[in-house]
């Protein structure tokens, strides 16, 4: 063997070792700044740290305008008929959209739903120049029962509506030595929380805002629970503030570490070698996941690149209904795509679906909400928490019918204290809304154990 051959033999293991070290490389925990996100004209003023009571009370003029728009759209002939024999394969079926619109116009009673929403107290406080809205549910005191603070974070196209059914199950659970004090914010730019006045407010920056909110409420240490964007934000909270977050339950667990991507691919290709039999039966093959995501992720590309272009969603109630409610079909169960009604009332009541839709409509927040895709997927901050592992106790409770599934092996490098990992066979993307009792029981059991 010549000199060149010997050098090649020497360099191969060196190269393999270098690649492996790059794959497992982690970053130190960055120090997040308490940034200002309000208008420049207000910057420099002393922040109002008061906690102000808030009540959901939509003016009659807003509701009258909504009804007028709905009636006009339903009476027109501008809705294009669906292709014959097609369910939701081409998007929200326009025949069923008329059914939804008629229910919204003639049967849905916002003022009655508003009373239900106001059953639990609402508040606002200013953080970083933004008014942050949140529900704050304090359990009734019981002798010998301690209370623990729990932060719950929603995502898109959800809202605080996702957690309304789970509130009584968490705040005073029956089989627990603890009660849970629930803090349920609207994400910045969603619902009744202000949107940022300048670019850069992504999930990491939102994690900082919610850490400041919990500090303001007197909770230096707390538990956290989230799904969709809320799942990414609680992950960022655990990574940036491990001394403050006592434990996390997430219905969307993800790791963007390079080694995690490799492990995920291997587990998808050869599940028998890298997963348990129970995991393997829930993992979607890589080829199927790829084709599914290509079909289902068009909205993401628009929202990550040109979020303000979807301005039509603030003008047309039926347009907003089609855009948002379509996600409650395929994201809840991939097999519902062939149904004319998208299956959306199989697990959800029409009233609660419209409650969630109304949060976007009456606040006009759909544009500011979708900007999060641009800020998170094209980050400005450079904090790079994706490469910061966390040792906070973690529980990944994942919907087996969600858009994609991940194996446990791909998460352990990011969540080094992953204590629980489970697929819920009867749940999709909106777990706490779909099967609230199951999620509440699992959360209480997990948090109690810590």
Protein backbone atom coordinates (compact mmCIF):
# COMPACT_ATOMS: atom_id res chain seq x y z
CA UNK A 1 0.00 0.00 0.00
CA UNK A 2 1.39 3.39 -1.00
CA UNK A 3 1.65 6.51 1.12
CA UNK A 4 -1.57 7.92 -0.30
CA UNK A 5 -3.47 4.76 0.60
CA UNK A 6 -2.16 4.88 4.18
CA UNK A 7 -3.17 8.52 4.48
CA UNK A 8 -6.67 7.69 3.27
CA UNK A 9 -6.98 4.87 5.84
CA UNK A 10 -5.84 7.31 8.54
CA UNK A 11 -8.16 10.09 7.46
CA UNK A 12 -11.34 7.96 7.26
CA UNK A 13 -11.71 7.43 11.04
CA UNK A 14 -10.65 11.02 11.66
CA UNK A 15 -13.34 12.22 9.24
CA UNK A 16 -15.98 9.95 10.77
CA UNK A 17 -15.06 11.19 14.26
CA UNK A 18 -15.24 14.82 13.09
CA UNK A 19 -18.66 14.33 11.50
CA UNK A 20 -19.96 12.59 14.63
CA UNK A 21 -18.69 15.39 16.88
CA UNK A 22 -20.44 17.93 14.66
CA UNK A 23 -23.64 15.92 14.86
CA UNK A 24 -23.63 15.82 18.67
CA UNK A 25 -22.28 19.34 19.17
CA UNK A 26 -24.34 21.45 21.59
CA UNK A 27 -24.36 25.13 22.44
CA UNK A 28 -24.31 26.77 25.89
CA UNK A 29 -27.48 28.30 27.30
CA UNK A 30 -27.77 31.86 25.96
CA UNK A 31 -28.92 34.78 28.08
CA UNK A 32 -32.18 36.08 26.63
CA UNK A 33 -32.75 39.82 26.64
CA UNK A 34 -35.94 41.37 28.00
CA UNK A 35 -36.66 43.01 24.65
CA UNK A 36 -39.20 45.71 23.78
CA UNK A 37 -41.75 44.83 21.05
CA UNK A 38 -44.14 47.78 21.11
CA UNK A 39 -44.24 50.87 18.89
CA UNK A 40 -41.15 53.10 18.80
CA UNK A 41 -43.24 56.06 19.89
CA UNK A 42 -43.85 54.35 23.25
CA UNK A 43 -40.34 53.00 23.78
CA UNK A 44 -38.56 54.36 26.84
CA UNK A 45 -41.70 54.88 28.87
CA UNK A 46 -41.96 53.08 32.19
CA UNK A 47 -43.68 49.74 31.75
CA UNK A 48 -47.06 49.41 33.42
CA UNK A 49 -46.64 46.18 35.38
CA UNK A 50 -50.19 46.15 36.75
CA UNK A 51 -52.45 43.14 36.27
CA UNK A 52 -55.72 44.46 34.82
CA UNK A 53 -58.99 42.50 34.87
CA UNK A 54 -60.38 41.89 31.40
CA UNK A 55 -63.73 40.65 30.14
CA UNK A 56 -64.52 39.30 26.70
CA UNK A 57 -67.31 41.60 25.52
CA UNK A 58 -67.64 42.00 21.76
CA UNK A 59 -69.65 44.98 20.55
CA UNK A 60 -72.94 44.43 18.75
CA UNK A 61 -71.66 46.33 15.71
CA UNK A 62 -68.90 43.74 15.21
CA UNK A 63 -71.39 40.87 15.43
CA UNK A 64 -73.88 42.62 13.13
CA UNK A 65 -71.13 43.18 10.56
CA UNK A 66 -70.17 39.49 10.76
CA UNK A 67 -73.78 38.40 10.15
CA UNK A 68 -74.13 40.78 7.23
CA UNK A 69 -70.96 39.43 5.62
CA UNK A 70 -72.01 35.81 6.19
CA UNK A 71 -75.46 36.41 4.68
CA UNK A 72 -74.00 38.18 1.67
CA UNK A 73 -71.49 35.39 1.04
CA UNK A 74 -74.06 32.62 1.47
CA UNK A 75 -76.56 34.35 -0.82
CA UNK A 76 -74.03 34.91 -3.58
CA UNK A 77 -73.11 32.39 -6.26
CA UNK A 78 -69.37 32.93 -5.95
CA UNK A 79 -68.58 29.70 -4.07
CA UNK A 80 -67.14 27.29 -6.62
CA UNK A 81 -68.72 23.81 -6.59
CA UNK A 82 -66.37 20.99 -5.58
CA UNK A 83 -65.29 18.31 -8.03
CA UNK A 84 -67.57 15.29 -8.14
CA UNK A 85 -66.69 12.57 -5.64
CA UNK A 86 -64.16 14.76 -3.81
CA UNK A 87 -64.10 15.29 -0.04
CA UNK A 88 -61.34 17.45 1.43
CA UNK A 89 -58.62 16.33 -0.99
CA UNK A 90 -58.67 19.72 -2.75
CA UNK A 91 -59.18 21.65 0.49
CA UNK A 92 -62.32 22.60 2.37
CA UNK A 93 -65.34 21.24 0.50
CA UNK A 94 -67.52 24.19 -0.54
CA UNK A 95 -70.78 22.23 -0.07
CA UNK A 96 -69.94 21.65 3.55
CA UNK A 97 -68.64 25.21 3.88
CA UNK A 98 -72.20 26.39 3.17
CA UNK A 99 -73.44 24.12 5.96
CA UNK A 100 -70.91 25.61 8.37
CA UNK A 101 -71.82 29.13 7.25
CA UNK A 102 -75.55 28.56 7.72
CA UNK A 103 -74.97 27.20 11.23
CA UNK A 104 -72.72 30.15 12.03
CA UNK A 105 -75.33 32.60 10.78
CA UNK A 106 -78.55 31.07 12.17
CA UNK A 107 -77.75 28.82 15.13
CA UNK A 108 -74.46 29.89 16.68
CA UNK A 109 -74.94 32.25 19.64
CA UNK A 110 -71.73 34.17 20.39
CA UNK A 111 -73.14 35.95 23.43
CA UNK A 112 -73.98 32.61 25.07
CA UNK A 113 -70.53 31.29 24.21
CA UNK A 114 -69.00 34.52 25.51
CA UNK A 115 -70.56 33.83 28.93
CA UNK A 116 -68.93 30.39 28.96
CA UNK A 117 -65.59 31.93 28.03
CA UNK A 118 -65.92 34.47 30.85
CA UNK A 119 -66.60 31.70 33.37
CA UNK A 120 -62.89 31.78 34.17
CA UNK A 121 -61.19 35.13 34.93
CA UNK A 122 -59.30 37.02 32.22
CA UNK A 123 -56.54 39.59 32.69
CA UNK A 124 -54.10 41.72 30.73
CA UNK A 125 -50.66 43.03 31.59
CA UNK A 126 -48.03 44.89 29.59
CA UNK A 127 -44.78 43.06 28.93
CA UNK A 128 -42.15 44.41 26.56
CA UNK A 129 -44.56 46.99 25.17
CA UNK A 130 -47.27 44.42 24.41
CA UNK A 131 -50.57 43.85 26.16
CA UNK A 132 -50.55 40.16 27.04
CA UNK A 133 -53.95 38.57 27.63
CA UNK A 134 -54.32 35.51 29.81
CA UNK A 135 -56.82 33.47 31.76
CA UNK A 136 -55.84 32.91 35.38
CA UNK A 137 -57.66 30.08 37.13
CA UNK A 138 -56.96 29.70 40.83
CA UNK A 139 -58.37 26.56 42.45
CA UNK A 140 -60.40 26.77 45.61
CA UNK A 141 -58.27 26.25 48.71
CA UNK A 142 -58.46 22.80 50.26
CA UNK A 143 -56.90 21.83 53.56
CA UNK A 144 -53.78 19.77 53.04
CA UNK A 145 -53.77 20.24 49.26
CA UNK A 146 -50.88 22.25 47.85
CA UNK A 147 -51.23 24.33 44.68
CA UNK A 148 -48.72 24.29 41.85
CA UNK A 149 -48.52 26.83 38.98
CA UNK A 150 -48.99 25.48 35.44
CA UNK A 151 -48.52 27.50 32.24
CA UNK A 152 -50.54 26.29 29.22
CA UNK A 153 -49.63 27.48 25.72
CA UNK A 154 -51.63 26.99 22.52
CA UNK A 155 -50.53 27.21 18.89
CA UNK A 156 -51.90 27.96 15.40
CA UNK A 157 -54.67 27.73 14.27
CA UNK A 158 -55.73 27.26 17.87
CA UNK A 159 -56.27 29.64 20.75
CA UNK A 160 -57.14 29.55 24.43
CA UNK A 161 -60.30 27.70 23.31
CA UNK A 162 -58.16 24.57 23.06
CA UNK A 163 -57.88 24.42 26.86
CA UNK A 164 -61.40 25.31 28.00
CA UNK A 165 -62.52 21.68 28.45
CA UNK A 166 -59.36 20.72 30.31
CA UNK A 167 -59.43 23.61 32.82
CA UNK A 168 -61.68 21.99 35.47
CA UNK A 169 -59.87 18.67 35.04
CA UNK A 170 -56.49 20.27 35.81
CA UNK A 171 -57.28 22.97 38.34
CA UNK A 172 -58.82 20.64 40.92
CA UNK A 173 -58.03 17.07 39.86
CA UNK A 174 -59.86 14.34 41.76
CA UNK A 175 -57.04 11.85 42.29
CA UNK A 176 -54.16 14.12 43.22
CA UNK A 177 -52.44 15.56 46.27
CA UNK A 178 -52.18 18.87 44.40
CA UNK A 179 -54.32 21.51 42.76
CA UNK A 180 -53.01 23.41 39.76
CA UNK A 181 -53.15 27.16 39.31
CA UNK A 182 -53.57 27.64 35.57
CA UNK A 183 -52.14 30.52 33.55
CA UNK A 184 -53.44 30.36 29.96
CA UNK A 185 -52.15 33.22 27.75
CA UNK A 186 -53.02 34.17 24.21
CA UNK A 187 -49.72 34.14 22.33
CA UNK A 188 -48.53 37.60 21.24
CA UNK A 189 -50.41 38.50 18.08
CA UNK A 190 -53.18 36.00 18.83
CA UNK A 191 -56.64 36.82 20.15
CA UNK A 192 -56.56 39.58 22.72
CA UNK A 193 -52.74 39.76 23.01
CA UNK A 194 -51.00 42.55 21.07
CA UNK A 195 -48.86 41.71 18.08
CA UNK A 196 -45.29 42.95 17.78
CA UNK A 197 -44.66 46.30 16.09
CA UNK A 198 -41.34 45.16 14.58
CA UNK A 199 -39.87 41.90 13.23
CA UNK A 200 -38.18 39.26 15.36
CA UNK A 201 -40.76 37.99 17.87
CA UNK A 202 -40.34 34.23 17.47
CA UNK A 203 -40.80 31.30 19.84
CA UNK A 204 -37.60 32.03 21.80
CA UNK A 205 -38.65 35.63 22.37
CA UNK A 206 -42.14 34.49 23.36
CA UNK A 207 -40.57 32.12 25.87
CA UNK A 208 -38.89 35.17 27.42
CA UNK A 209 -42.22 37.04 27.56
CA UNK A 210 -43.94 34.14 29.32
CA UNK A 211 -41.06 33.75 31.77
CA UNK A 212 -41.56 37.44 32.62
CA UNK A 213 -45.31 36.87 32.96
CA UNK A 214 -44.78 34.03 35.42
CA UNK A 215 -42.31 36.18 37.38
CA UNK A 216 -44.88 38.97 37.54
CA UNK A 217 -47.49 36.55 38.89
CA UNK A 218 -45.08 35.50 41.62
CA UNK A 219 -44.07 32.13 40.18
CA UNK A 220 -40.30 31.82 39.96
CA UNK A 221 -40.71 28.07 39.38
CA UNK A 222 -43.55 26.50 37.44
CA UNK A 223 -44.71 23.65 35.21
CA UNK A 224 -45.51 24.07 31.52
CA UNK A 225 -47.71 22.36 28.96
CA UNK A 226 -48.07 23.12 25.26
CA UNK A 227 -48.92 21.95 21.77
CA UNK A 228 -48.16 23.14 18.24
CA UNK A 229 -46.27 26.48 18.60
CA UNK A 230 -46.91 26.16 22.32
CA UNK A 231 -44.87 22.94 22.19
CA UNK A 232 -41.92 24.80 20.68
CA UNK A 233 -42.25 27.64 23.18
CA UNK A 234 -42.28 25.34 26.24
CA UNK A 235 -39.22 23.62 24.76
CA UNK A 236 -37.49 27.01 24.50
CA UNK A 237 -38.56 27.82 28.07
CA UNK A 238 -37.02 24.57 29.32
CA UNK A 239 -33.83 25.15 27.33
CA UNK A 240 -33.36 28.82 28.28
CA UNK A 241 -34.65 28.70 31.87
CA UNK A 242 -34.01 25.19 33.22
CA UNK A 243 -33.81 26.53 36.79
CA UNK A 244 -37.35 27.93 36.53
CA UNK A 245 -39.22 25.20 34.65
CA UNK A 246 -39.95 22.22 36.90
CA UNK A 247 -41.41 19.94 34.27
CA UNK A 248 -42.97 19.97 30.79
CA UNK A 249 -45.73 18.05 29.04
CA UNK A 250 -45.78 18.60 25.29
CA UNK A 251 -48.01 17.24 22.55
CA UNK A 252 -45.48 18.44 19.97
CA UNK A 253 -41.95 17.33 20.75
CA UNK A 254 -39.25 18.04 18.20
CA UNK A 255 -35.49 18.20 18.06
CA UNK A 256 -33.61 19.96 15.27
CA UNK A 257 -30.21 18.77 16.45
CA UNK A 258 -28.30 17.19 13.54
CA UNK A 259 -27.90 13.87 15.38
CA UNK A 260 -31.67 13.82 15.96
CA UNK A 261 -32.35 14.13 12.23
CA UNK A 262 -30.05 11.17 11.54
CA UNK A 263 -31.70 9.07 14.24
CA UNK A 264 -35.17 9.94 13.02
CA UNK A 265 -34.30 8.84 9.48
CA UNK A 266 -32.77 5.58 10.69
CA UNK A 267 -35.76 4.81 12.90
CA UNK A 268 -38.12 5.45 10.00
CA UNK A 269 -36.05 3.27 7.64
CA UNK A 270 -35.40 0.39 10.08
CA UNK A 271 -37.91 0.78 12.94
CA UNK A 272 -37.26 -2.68 14.38
CA UNK A 273 -33.68 -1.69 15.27
CA UNK A 274 -34.33 1.74 16.74
CA UNK A 275 -37.82 1.66 18.27
CA UNK A 276 -40.05 -0.43 20.50
CA UNK A 277 -42.83 -2.47 18.85
CA UNK A 278 -45.42 -0.01 20.19
CA UNK A 279 -43.53 2.95 18.72
CA UNK A 280 -42.99 1.17 15.43
CA UNK A 281 -46.70 0.63 14.79
CA UNK A 282 -47.34 4.38 15.16
CA UNK A 283 -44.39 5.64 13.14
CA UNK A 284 -45.31 6.80 9.66
CA UNK A 285 -42.83 5.62 6.98
CA UNK A 286 -40.53 8.38 5.77
CA UNK A 287 -41.83 8.25 2.18
CA UNK A 288 -45.43 8.60 3.37
CA UNK A 289 -44.52 11.41 5.78
CA UNK A 290 -42.70 13.30 3.03
CA UNK A 291 -45.58 13.09 0.55
CA UNK A 292 -48.11 13.97 3.24
CA UNK A 293 -46.15 17.02 4.36
CA UNK A 294 -45.71 18.22 0.79
CA UNK A 295 -49.47 18.03 0.35
CA UNK A 296 -50.36 19.58 3.71
CA UNK A 297 -47.69 22.26 4.23
CA UNK A 298 -48.49 24.80 1.52
CA UNK A 299 -49.97 27.12 4.15
CA UNK A 300 -46.67 27.04 6.02
CA UNK A 301 -44.65 28.25 3.06
CA UNK A 302 -47.00 31.19 2.52
CA UNK A 303 -47.06 32.11 6.21
CA UNK A 304 -43.31 31.77 6.60
CA UNK A 305 -42.50 33.97 3.63
CA UNK A 306 -45.43 36.33 2.90
CA UNK A 307 -47.73 36.26 5.94
CA UNK A 308 -49.33 39.63 5.26
CA UNK A 309 -50.54 38.47 1.84
CA UNK A 310 -53.40 36.46 3.39
CA UNK A 311 -55.22 39.74 4.08
CA UNK A 312 -58.38 38.28 2.55
CA UNK A 313 -58.86 36.20 5.70
CA UNK A 314 -59.72 39.36 7.62
CA UNK A 315 -62.40 40.29 5.07
CA UNK A 316 -64.31 37.07 4.42
CA UNK A 317 -65.74 34.99 7.29
CA UNK A 318 -66.27 31.97 5.02
CA UNK A 319 -62.72 32.36 3.73
CA UNK A 320 -61.40 32.34 7.28
CA UNK A 321 -63.60 29.35 8.15
CA UNK A 322 -62.30 27.32 5.20
CA UNK A 323 -58.68 28.23 5.91
CA UNK A 324 -58.72 27.44 9.63
CA UNK A 325 -61.29 24.66 9.99
CA UNK A 326 -59.65 22.63 7.23
CA UNK A 327 -56.74 22.10 9.64
CA UNK A 328 -59.09 20.54 12.19
CA UNK A 329 -59.81 17.83 9.64
CA UNK A 330 -56.52 16.50 8.30
CA UNK A 331 -54.46 17.40 11.37
CA UNK A 332 -56.84 15.49 13.61
CA UNK A 333 -57.08 12.37 11.47
CA UNK A 334 -55.28 11.87 8.16
CA UNK A 335 -58.02 9.50 6.96
CA UNK A 336 -60.76 12.15 7.15
CA UNK A 337 -59.52 13.80 3.98
CA UNK A 338 -61.86 11.72 1.81
CA UNK A 339 -65.02 12.81 3.67
CA UNK A 340 -67.25 15.54 2.30
CA UNK A 341 -67.51 17.09 5.79
CA UNK A 342 -63.84 16.49 6.57
CA UNK A 343 -64.91 14.62 9.71
CA UNK A 344 -64.49 17.79 11.77
CA UNK A 345 -67.52 17.17 14.00
CA UNK A 346 -66.42 13.62 14.83
CA UNK A 347 -64.39 14.88 17.79
CA UNK A 348 -65.31 18.56 18.00
CA UNK A 349 -68.61 20.33 18.58
CA UNK A 350 -69.44 22.87 15.91
CA UNK A 351 -69.86 25.53 18.60
CA UNK A 352 -66.32 25.09 19.93
CA UNK A 353 -64.87 25.12 16.42
CA UNK A 354 -66.67 28.40 15.80
CA UNK A 355 -65.54 29.70 19.22
CA UNK A 356 -61.96 29.27 18.07
CA UNK A 357 -62.76 30.86 14.72
CA UNK A 358 -64.44 33.79 16.45
CA UNK A 359 -61.33 34.53 18.50
CA UNK A 360 -59.52 35.25 15.23
CA UNK A 361 -62.44 37.09 13.60
CA UNK A 362 -63.53 39.46 16.37
CA UNK A 363 -59.94 40.44 17.20
CA UNK A 364 -58.79 40.66 13.57
CA UNK A 365 -55.67 38.76 14.62
CA UNK A 366 -55.20 36.21 11.87
CA UNK A 367 -52.47 38.24 10.11
CA UNK A 368 -50.47 38.92 13.28
CA UNK A 369 -50.87 35.27 14.28
CA UNK A 370 -49.44 33.82 11.08
CA UNK A 371 -46.43 36.13 11.24
CA UNK A 372 -45.05 33.76 13.88
CA UNK A 373 -44.21 31.35 11.06
CA UNK A 374 -41.93 33.91 9.47
CA UNK A 375 -40.32 34.89 12.78
CA UNK A 376 -39.77 31.30 13.97
CA UNK A 377 -38.78 29.60 10.72
CA UNK A 378 -36.57 32.49 9.58
CA UNK A 379 -35.21 33.53 13.01
CA UNK A 380 -33.68 36.93 13.61
CA UNK A 381 -32.24 36.50 17.08
CA UNK A 382 -29.42 34.01 16.59
CA UNK A 383 -30.12 32.45 20.00
CA UNK A 384 -30.12 29.00 18.35
CA UNK A 385 -31.83 27.15 21.21
CA UNK A 386 -32.28 24.22 18.82
CA UNK A 387 -28.76 23.11 19.79
CA UNK A 388 -29.21 23.66 23.54
CA UNK A 389 -30.23 20.45 25.34
CA UNK A 390 -32.35 20.60 28.47
CA UNK A 391 -32.41 18.35 31.52
CA UNK A 392 -35.86 19.53 32.65
CA UNK A 393 -38.15 16.51 33.26
CA UNK A 394 -40.07 16.00 30.01
CA UNK A 395 -43.21 14.15 28.97
CA UNK A 396 -43.96 13.76 25.27
CA UNK A 397 -47.62 12.80 24.84
CA UNK A 398 -48.07 12.62 21.10
CA UNK A 399 -51.11 12.12 18.89
CA UNK A 400 -50.65 9.01 16.77
CA UNK A 401 -52.92 10.52 14.09
CA UNK A 402 -51.04 13.82 13.89
CA UNK A 403 -49.44 15.03 10.67
CA UNK A 404 -46.16 13.32 11.48
CA UNK A 405 -44.75 11.11 14.22
CA UNK A 406 -41.26 11.00 15.69
CA UNK A 407 -39.44 8.19 17.48
CA UNK A 408 -38.21 8.52 21.05
CA UNK A 409 -34.60 7.97 19.98
CA UNK A 410 -34.64 11.22 17.99
CA UNK A 411 -35.60 13.30 21.05
CA UNK A 412 -33.26 12.11 23.80
CA UNK A 413 -30.34 14.32 22.75
CA UNK A 414 -32.48 17.45 23.07
CA UNK A 415 -34.53 16.31 26.08
CA UNK A 416 -31.93 14.52 28.15
CA UNK A 417 -34.43 13.87 30.96
CA UNK A 418 -37.23 12.45 28.81
CA UNK A 419 -39.15 10.60 31.49
CA UNK A 420 -42.27 9.72 29.51
CA UNK A 421 -42.91 9.11 25.83
CA UNK A 422 -46.23 7.85 24.53
CA UNK A 423 -48.39 7.84 21.42
CA UNK A 424 -52.11 8.41 22.03
CA UNK A 425 -53.80 6.19 19.46
CA UNK A 426 -57.07 8.16 19.41
CA UNK A 427 -55.58 11.67 19.21
CA UNK A 428 -54.31 13.90 16.46
CA UNK A 429 -52.84 17.39 16.59
CA UNK A 430 -55.22 19.04 19.08
CA UNK A 431 -54.82 16.55 21.92
CA UNK A 432 -56.05 18.62 24.87
CA UNK A 433 -59.15 19.58 22.89
CA UNK A 434 -59.79 16.12 21.42
CA UNK A 435 -59.31 13.93 24.51
CA UNK A 436 -59.16 16.37 27.46
CA UNK A 437 -59.66 13.77 30.18
CA UNK A 438 -56.79 11.63 28.92
CA UNK A 439 -54.44 14.61 28.66
CA UNK A 440 -55.49 15.92 32.07
CA UNK A 441 -54.97 12.55 33.75
CA UNK A 442 -51.56 12.11 32.17
CA UNK A 443 -50.49 15.67 33.05
CA UNK A 444 -51.60 15.34 36.67
CA UNK A 445 -49.93 11.95 37.02
CA UNK A 446 -46.68 13.28 35.55
CA UNK A 447 -46.52 16.58 37.41
CA UNK A 448 -47.53 14.89 40.67
CA UNK A 449 -44.65 12.44 40.26
CA UNK A 450 -42.17 15.34 40.15
